Amino acid sequence: MILLGYIKSVNEAIQKFDKRAFEAERPFVALLKNKLALCDYELLLVPGNIPSFDDLITDPSVKQEIIKLHNAWAIIRREGLTNMDAQKKAWSIIDEIGGVITLQEKMVISPNLRRFQDDPTGKRFFVLLTGYEPEGLPPYELNALCNLWQLEHGFIPIHAAGVIHRGRLFLFGGISGAGKSTIARISADLGDKVLDEDQLLLHSLADGREVADAWGYSLEACNMPLGAIFKLVKNKNNVMIPLKSSQVAQFLMEQIIQVTNNNLLSDDMLKNLFKRVSSITRKIPGFELHFQKEPYFWKLIDERFPW
C-alpha cells in the first residue's frame, strides 16, 4: 500500500509507530506492516494543516483536487462548531471528492475513511486524520483496507478462532466474550495447535477444499481442511446443536462484518460475499456449541467427527 501525505513512506510511518508503541504492541505493528505490503491501494492521509504538495503530487488536476480536500478538512478542524456555515460548505466539498459509502439502511459507520469518487480503478482512498492517530498512522482504517483487499482477491477475513485438532481445522466464533480465547487456551493445554484466536482468512484450494490461514496474530498459512464451524455459547452444560446451512451463513456474515468495515463494501461485493459464504456452508457443517470452561466439549466434537 502506498501512503501519501505528510508521511510519505509506509516504512517511515511504521517505524515511527513502532518507536512509540508499547512492547505489547510491537507484534501488532510488525503484522500490520506485513499486511500492508500485500495491498496495492493508494491511501492519502489528510491532516488538519496544509502540507507541501510539490514533491507529493505531479498531476496538476489531481493536485488541485487534493489541495481542495486538505483546505476543506483544515476548515472543519479549525472552525469546530463555531461556524456551521463554513462547516457545511467544507463537508460538501469533501463529500464531492470522496463520498462515504453507506449501508442499505443509509447508515454511515465511519465518515473518515473514503474512496475517491472519480477513481475508475477503485484503489484510491483517503483518511481524514483527527490528530489523535499515533504518529499520524490510522491503524483501524489501515486494517479495514487490508481486509477489503483480501475480499477483492477471493479471501474472506473473519472474526473467529481456529484450532487444528486431529488433522482438521475447526472454527470457533461468537459475540465478544463468547469464549474464543477460552477455547484456544483449553485446546493449547491439550496439545492442539491454535492457528489464531482472533481472526482467520478463509479461502478455497484448487482441489475444492475449504481452508483458512491465520490473520489476527500472524499470517501463518494452513492447508488443513476446515472440519466444522461453531457458534459459541457459554453455558453450564456441554451440548452441540446442529444449525441449518442458512443459520451458519448468517453467523459467518456477522463474523465477517465485524472485521471488514462493511461501509466500504459495494452491493455487488456483498452479494458475491454471501454467495461465497453460502457455498462454504453447503460443504461445511455448523453447530451451536454450548460449553463449560473445561475440555469436555472436545469429546462431543470427536464423537461427531471421528478420526
Protein backbone atom coordinates (compact mmCIF):
# COMPACT_ATOMS: atom_id res chain seq x y z
CA MET A 1 0.00 0.00 0.00
CA ILE A 2 1.28 3.46 -0.89
CA LEU A 3 0.80 6.06 1.83
CA LEU A 4 0.68 9.69 0.69
CA GLY A 5 0.52 12.78 2.86
CA TYR A 6 2.86 14.32 5.38
CA ILE A 7 4.07 10.79 6.00
CA LYS A 8 5.20 9.70 2.52
CA SER A 9 6.60 6.25 3.28
CA VAL A 10 4.78 3.35 4.89
CA ASN A 11 8.08 2.15 6.33
CA GLU A 12 8.73 5.58 7.84
CA ALA A 13 5.24 5.61 9.34
CA ILE A 14 5.58 2.11 10.72
CA GLN A 15 9.00 2.89 12.20
CA LYS A 16 7.65 5.97 13.96
CA PHE A 17 4.65 3.99 15.18
CA ASP A 18 6.93 1.19 16.34
CA LYS A 19 9.17 3.54 18.33
CA ARG A 20 6.30 4.93 20.38
CA ALA A 21 4.48 1.61 20.71
CA PHE A 22 4.45 -0.29 23.97
CA GLU A 23 6.27 -3.61 23.97
CA ALA A 24 2.96 -5.48 23.83
CA GLU A 25 2.03 -3.56 20.65
CA ARG A 26 5.19 -4.44 18.72
CA PRO A 27 3.86 -7.72 17.22
CA PHE A 28 0.78 -5.83 16.00
CA VAL A 29 2.97 -3.20 14.32
CA ALA A 30 5.03 -5.88 12.53
CA LEU A 31 1.88 -7.72 11.45
CA LEU A 32 0.29 -4.52 10.14
CA LYS A 33 3.42 -3.81 8.09
CA ASN A 34 3.23 -7.29 6.52
CA LYS A 35 -0.46 -6.90 5.73
CA LEU A 36 0.11 -3.51 4.12
CA ALA A 37 2.83 -4.99 1.92
CA LEU A 38 0.19 -7.25 0.33
CA CYS A 39 -2.03 -4.37 -0.82
CA ASP A 40 -1.71 -2.25 -3.93
CA TYR A 41 -4.02 0.54 -2.79
CA GLU A 42 -3.05 4.20 -2.63
CA LEU A 43 -4.05 5.94 0.60
CA LEU A 44 -3.87 9.69 1.12
CA LEU A 45 -3.51 10.82 4.73
CA VAL A 46 -5.25 14.17 5.21
CA PRO A 47 -4.10 16.11 8.29
CA GLY A 48 -5.74 19.25 9.62
CA ASN A 49 -2.98 21.50 8.27
CA ILE A 50 -1.81 22.19 4.73
CA PRO A 51 1.34 20.28 3.69
CA SER A 52 3.58 20.99 0.70
CA PHE A 53 2.41 19.18 -2.43
CA ASP A 54 5.32 19.94 -4.77
CA ASP A 55 7.10 16.63 -4.28
CA LEU A 56 3.97 14.66 -3.49
CA ILE A 57 1.66 15.01 -6.49
CA THR A 58 2.76 15.69 -10.07
CA ASP A 59 -0.59 15.53 -11.92
CA PRO A 60 -1.96 19.13 -11.86
CA SER A 61 -5.63 18.06 -11.87
CA VAL A 62 -5.07 15.62 -9.03
CA LYS A 63 -3.04 18.20 -7.11
CA GLN A 64 -5.87 20.73 -7.34
CA GLU A 65 -8.40 18.20 -6.05
CA ILE A 66 -6.18 17.23 -3.12
CA ILE A 67 -5.50 20.85 -2.20
CA LYS A 68 -9.28 21.43 -2.09
CA LEU A 69 -9.63 18.36 0.11
CA HIS A 70 -6.93 19.49 2.54
CA ASN A 71 -8.34 23.02 2.67
CA ALA A 72 -11.85 21.76 3.44
CA TRP A 73 -10.65 19.44 6.22
CA ALA A 74 -8.48 22.22 7.69
CA ILE A 75 -11.57 24.46 7.89
CA ILE A 76 -13.54 21.75 9.68
CA ARG A 77 -10.71 21.12 12.15
CA ARG A 78 -10.12 24.86 12.73
CA GLU A 79 -13.68 26.16 12.92
CA GLY A 80 -15.19 23.40 15.04
CA LEU A 81 -18.81 24.19 15.80
CA THR A 82 -18.30 27.95 15.84
CA ASN A 83 -19.07 28.44 12.15
CA MET A 84 -21.70 25.98 10.97
CA ASP A 85 -22.00 27.53 7.50
CA ALA A 86 -18.28 27.04 6.87
CA GLN A 87 -18.51 23.50 8.25
CA LYS A 88 -21.40 22.63 5.96
CA LYS A 89 -19.65 24.02 2.88
CA ALA A 90 -16.40 22.19 3.72
CA TRP A 91 -18.19 18.88 4.23
CA SER A 92 -19.96 19.26 0.89
CA ILE A 93 -16.54 19.63 -0.80
CA ILE A 94 -15.24 16.51 0.96
CA ASP A 95 -18.39 14.57 0.04
CA GLU A 96 -17.96 15.58 -3.60
CA ILE A 97 -14.36 14.34 -3.69
CA GLY A 98 -14.88 11.18 -1.68
CA GLY A 99 -18.38 10.50 -0.51
CA VAL A 100 -18.86 7.89 2.18
CA ILE A 101 -20.20 4.54 1.11
CA THR A 102 -23.35 3.83 3.08
CA LEU A 103 -25.15 0.68 4.08
CA GLN A 104 -28.51 -0.20 2.61
CA GLU A 105 -30.11 1.44 5.65
CA LYS A 106 -28.17 4.63 4.75
CA MET A 107 -26.14 4.37 7.94
CA VAL A 108 -22.52 5.54 7.90
CA ILE A 109 -20.10 3.58 10.05
CA SER A 110 -17.10 5.90 9.67
CA PRO A 111 -17.00 9.25 7.84
CA ASN A 112 -13.19 9.41 7.86
CA LEU A 113 -12.24 6.54 5.54
CA ARG A 114 -13.38 7.27 1.98
CA ARG A 115 -12.84 6.18 -1.60
CA PHE A 116 -12.13 8.83 -4.24
CA GLN A 117 -15.27 9.32 -6.30
CA ASP A 118 -13.60 9.87 -9.67
CA ASP A 119 -11.13 6.97 -9.48
CA PRO A 120 -12.03 4.30 -12.10
CA THR A 121 -9.65 1.75 -10.53
CA GLY A 122 -11.35 1.85 -7.12
CA LYS A 123 -7.90 1.69 -5.49
CA ARG A 124 -7.50 5.27 -4.23
CA PHE A 125 -8.69 6.14 -0.73
CA PHE A 126 -8.15 8.90 1.78
CA VAL A 127 -8.39 9.15 5.56
CA LEU A 128 -9.33 12.37 7.34
CA LEU A 129 -6.95 12.44 10.30
CA THR A 130 -8.31 13.68 13.61
CA GLY A 131 -4.90 14.34 15.16
CA TYR A 132 -5.22 11.52 17.69
CA GLU A 133 -3.65 8.82 15.48
CA PRO A 134 -0.28 7.53 16.77
CA GLU A 135 2.42 9.21 14.68
CA GLY A 136 -0.22 10.12 12.11
CA LEU A 137 -0.85 6.47 11.30
CA PRO A 138 -4.53 5.35 11.40
CA PRO A 139 -4.27 1.62 12.27
CA TYR A 140 -8.06 0.97 12.28
CA GLU A 141 -8.52 2.33 8.75
CA LEU A 142 -5.39 0.57 7.50
CA ASN A 143 -6.63 -2.76 8.83
CA ALA A 144 -10.01 -2.16 7.19
CA LEU A 145 -8.33 -1.58 3.83
CA CYS A 146 -6.16 -4.69 4.23
CA ASN A 147 -9.31 -6.73 4.83
CA LEU A 148 -11.04 -5.13 1.84
CA TRP A 149 -8.06 -6.02 -0.39
CA GLN A 150 -8.29 -9.64 0.71
CA LEU A 151 -12.02 -9.72 -0.03
CA GLU A 152 -11.45 -8.35 -3.51
CA HIS A 153 -8.93 -11.14 -4.16
CA GLY A 154 -11.14 -14.04 -3.09
CA PHE A 155 -10.18 -14.33 0.58
CA ILE A 156 -12.61 -13.82 3.47
CA PRO A 157 -11.39 -12.19 6.72
CA ILE A 158 -13.45 -13.40 9.65
CA HIS A 159 -13.55 -12.74 13.39
CA ALA A 160 -13.02 -16.24 14.77
CA ALA A 161 -10.50 -18.58 16.39
CA GLY A 162 -9.03 -21.53 14.53
CA VAL A 163 -7.81 -24.72 16.22
CA ILE A 164 -6.08 -27.62 14.43
CA HIS A 165 -7.33 -30.82 16.05
CA ARG A 166 -6.63 -34.33 14.76
CA GLY A 167 -5.91 -33.29 11.20
CA ARG A 168 -8.77 -30.81 10.82
CA LEU A 169 -9.19 -27.10 11.36
CA PHE A 170 -12.17 -26.11 13.50
CA LEU A 171 -13.52 -22.58 13.53
CA PHE A 172 -14.96 -21.02 16.71
CA GLY A 173 -16.71 -17.65 16.73
CA GLY A 174 -19.28 -15.64 18.60
CA ILE A 175 -20.02 -12.31 20.18
CA SER A 176 -17.34 -10.56 22.21
CA GLY A 177 -16.71 -12.61 25.34
CA ALA A 178 -18.32 -15.76 23.93
CA GLY A 179 -15.20 -17.79 24.64
CA LYS A 180 -12.81 -17.84 21.67
CA SER A 181 -9.79 -17.23 23.90
CA THR A 182 -11.04 -19.81 26.40
CA ILE A 183 -11.42 -22.40 23.65
CA ALA A 184 -7.92 -21.57 22.40
CA ARG A 185 -6.34 -21.83 25.85
CA ILE A 186 -8.01 -25.16 26.67
CA SER A 187 -7.08 -26.57 23.26
CA ALA A 188 -3.46 -25.48 23.58
CA ASP A 189 -3.26 -27.10 27.01
CA LEU A 190 -4.41 -30.35 25.41
CA GLY A 191 -1.64 -30.16 22.81
CA ASP A 192 -3.69 -28.87 19.87
CA LYS A 193 -2.29 -26.10 17.68
CA VAL A 194 -4.07 -22.79 17.88
CA LEU A 195 -3.73 -21.26 14.43
CA ASP A 196 -5.18 -17.94 15.57
CA GLU A 197 -7.53 -16.94 18.36
CA ASP A 198 -8.91 -13.73 16.86
CA GLN A 199 -9.11 -13.62 13.04
CA LEU A 200 -8.84 -16.07 10.15
CA LEU A 201 -8.64 -15.74 6.38
CA LEU A 202 -10.97 -18.23 4.66
CA HIS A 203 -10.22 -19.40 1.12
CA SER A 204 -10.50 -22.40 -1.20
CA LEU A 205 -7.72 -24.59 -2.54
CA ALA A 206 -7.56 -25.72 -6.16
CA ASP A 207 -8.97 -29.13 -5.18
CA GLY A 208 -12.08 -27.50 -3.70
CA ARG A 209 -11.15 -27.87 -0.03
CA GLU A 210 -12.09 -25.01 2.27
CA VAL A 211 -9.17 -23.88 4.43
CA ALA A 212 -8.14 -20.86 6.49
CA ASP A 213 -4.93 -19.03 7.34
CA ALA A 214 -4.09 -17.01 10.43
CA TRP A 215 -4.94 -13.32 10.06
CA GLY A 216 -5.26 -11.88 13.57
CA TYR A 217 -1.94 -12.53 15.31
CA SER A 218 0.15 -13.85 12.43
CA LEU A 219 -0.04 -14.63 8.71
CA GLU A 220 0.67 -18.34 9.08
CA ALA A 221 -0.72 -20.40 6.20
CA CYS A 222 -2.61 -23.63 6.89
CA ASN A 223 -3.78 -26.30 4.42
CA MET A 224 -5.70 -28.39 6.95
CA PRO A 225 -9.29 -28.88 5.75
CA LEU A 226 -11.99 -26.93 7.54
CA GLY A 227 -13.95 -29.51 9.55
CA ALA A 228 -16.76 -27.55 11.18
CA ILE A 229 -17.94 -24.09 12.21
CA PHE A 230 -19.03 -23.46 15.80
CA LYS A 231 -21.09 -20.60 17.20
CA LEU A 232 -20.02 -20.35 20.84
CA VAL A 233 -22.46 -20.06 23.73
CA LYS A 234 -21.20 -20.17 27.31
CA ASN A 235 -23.34 -22.50 29.38
CA LYS A 236 -23.39 -24.78 32.40
CA ASN A 237 -23.86 -27.73 30.07
CA ASN A 238 -21.87 -29.10 27.13
CA VAL A 239 -24.01 -29.64 24.07
CA MET A 240 -23.73 -29.36 20.28
CA ILE A 241 -26.84 -28.22 18.42
CA PRO A 242 -26.77 -28.66 14.61
CA LEU A 243 -27.54 -25.49 12.64
CA LYS A 244 -29.17 -25.17 9.24
CA SER A 245 -26.86 -24.01 6.48
CA SER A 246 -28.78 -20.71 6.31
CA GLN A 247 -28.12 -20.17 10.02
CA VAL A 248 -24.43 -20.90 9.58
CA ALA A 249 -24.27 -18.48 6.63
CA GLN A 250 -25.90 -15.74 8.68
CA PHE A 251 -23.48 -16.39 11.54
CA LEU A 252 -20.44 -16.25 9.23
CA MET A 253 -21.65 -13.00 7.67
CA GLU A 254 -21.96 -11.48 11.14
CA GLN A 255 -18.41 -12.52 12.00
CA ILE A 256 -17.09 -11.21 8.68
CA ILE A 257 -18.80 -7.83 9.02
CA GLN A 258 -17.06 -7.35 12.38
CA VAL A 259 -13.67 -7.04 10.67
CA THR A 260 -14.42 -5.72 7.18
CA ASN A 261 -15.87 -2.28 7.97
CA ASN A 262 -18.66 -3.01 5.51
CA ASN A 263 -19.43 0.61 4.70
CA LEU A 264 -16.62 0.05 2.15
CA LEU A 265 -18.37 -2.92 0.55
CA SER A 266 -20.43 -2.29 -2.54
CA ASP A 267 -23.73 -4.08 -3.08
CA ASP A 268 -22.04 -6.34 -5.66
CA MET A 269 -19.30 -7.22 -3.18
CA LEU A 270 -21.86 -8.07 -0.51
CA LYS A 271 -23.80 -10.26 -2.94
CA ASN A 272 -20.64 -12.08 -4.05
CA LEU A 273 -19.54 -12.46 -0.45
CA PHE A 274 -22.86 -14.01 0.53
CA LYS A 275 -22.67 -16.42 -2.45
CA ARG A 276 -19.21 -17.45 -1.34
CA VAL A 277 -20.32 -17.93 2.26
CA SER A 278 -23.35 -19.93 1.14
CA SER A 279 -21.06 -22.21 -0.87
CA ILE A 280 -18.91 -22.81 2.21
CA THR A 281 -21.86 -23.64 4.44
CA ARG A 282 -23.22 -26.15 1.94
CA LYS A 283 -19.99 -28.11 2.37
CA ILE A 284 -19.04 -27.40 5.99
CA PRO A 285 -21.41 -28.24 8.88
CA GLY A 286 -22.15 -25.75 11.61
CA PHE A 287 -23.20 -26.10 15.23
CA GLU A 288 -24.15 -24.03 18.20
CA LEU A 289 -21.65 -25.12 20.83
CA HIS A 290 -22.65 -24.72 24.47
CA PHE A 291 -19.63 -25.37 26.66
CA GLN A 292 -18.17 -25.05 30.11
CA LYS A 293 -14.66 -23.84 30.81
CA GLU A 294 -13.20 -27.32 30.60
CA PRO A 295 -12.13 -29.66 27.77
CA TYR A 296 -15.24 -31.90 27.63
CA PHE A 297 -16.50 -30.08 24.53
CA TRP A 298 -13.76 -31.79 22.51
CA LYS A 299 -15.28 -35.16 23.40
CA LEU A 300 -18.53 -34.02 21.80
CA ILE A 301 -16.69 -32.85 18.71
CA ASP A 302 -14.70 -36.11 18.45
CA GLU A 303 -17.89 -38.16 18.67
CA ARG A 304 -19.35 -36.16 15.80
CA PHE A 305 -16.09 -36.14 13.80
CA PRO A 306 -14.23 -39.41 14.50
CA TRP A 307 -10.65 -39.85 13.35
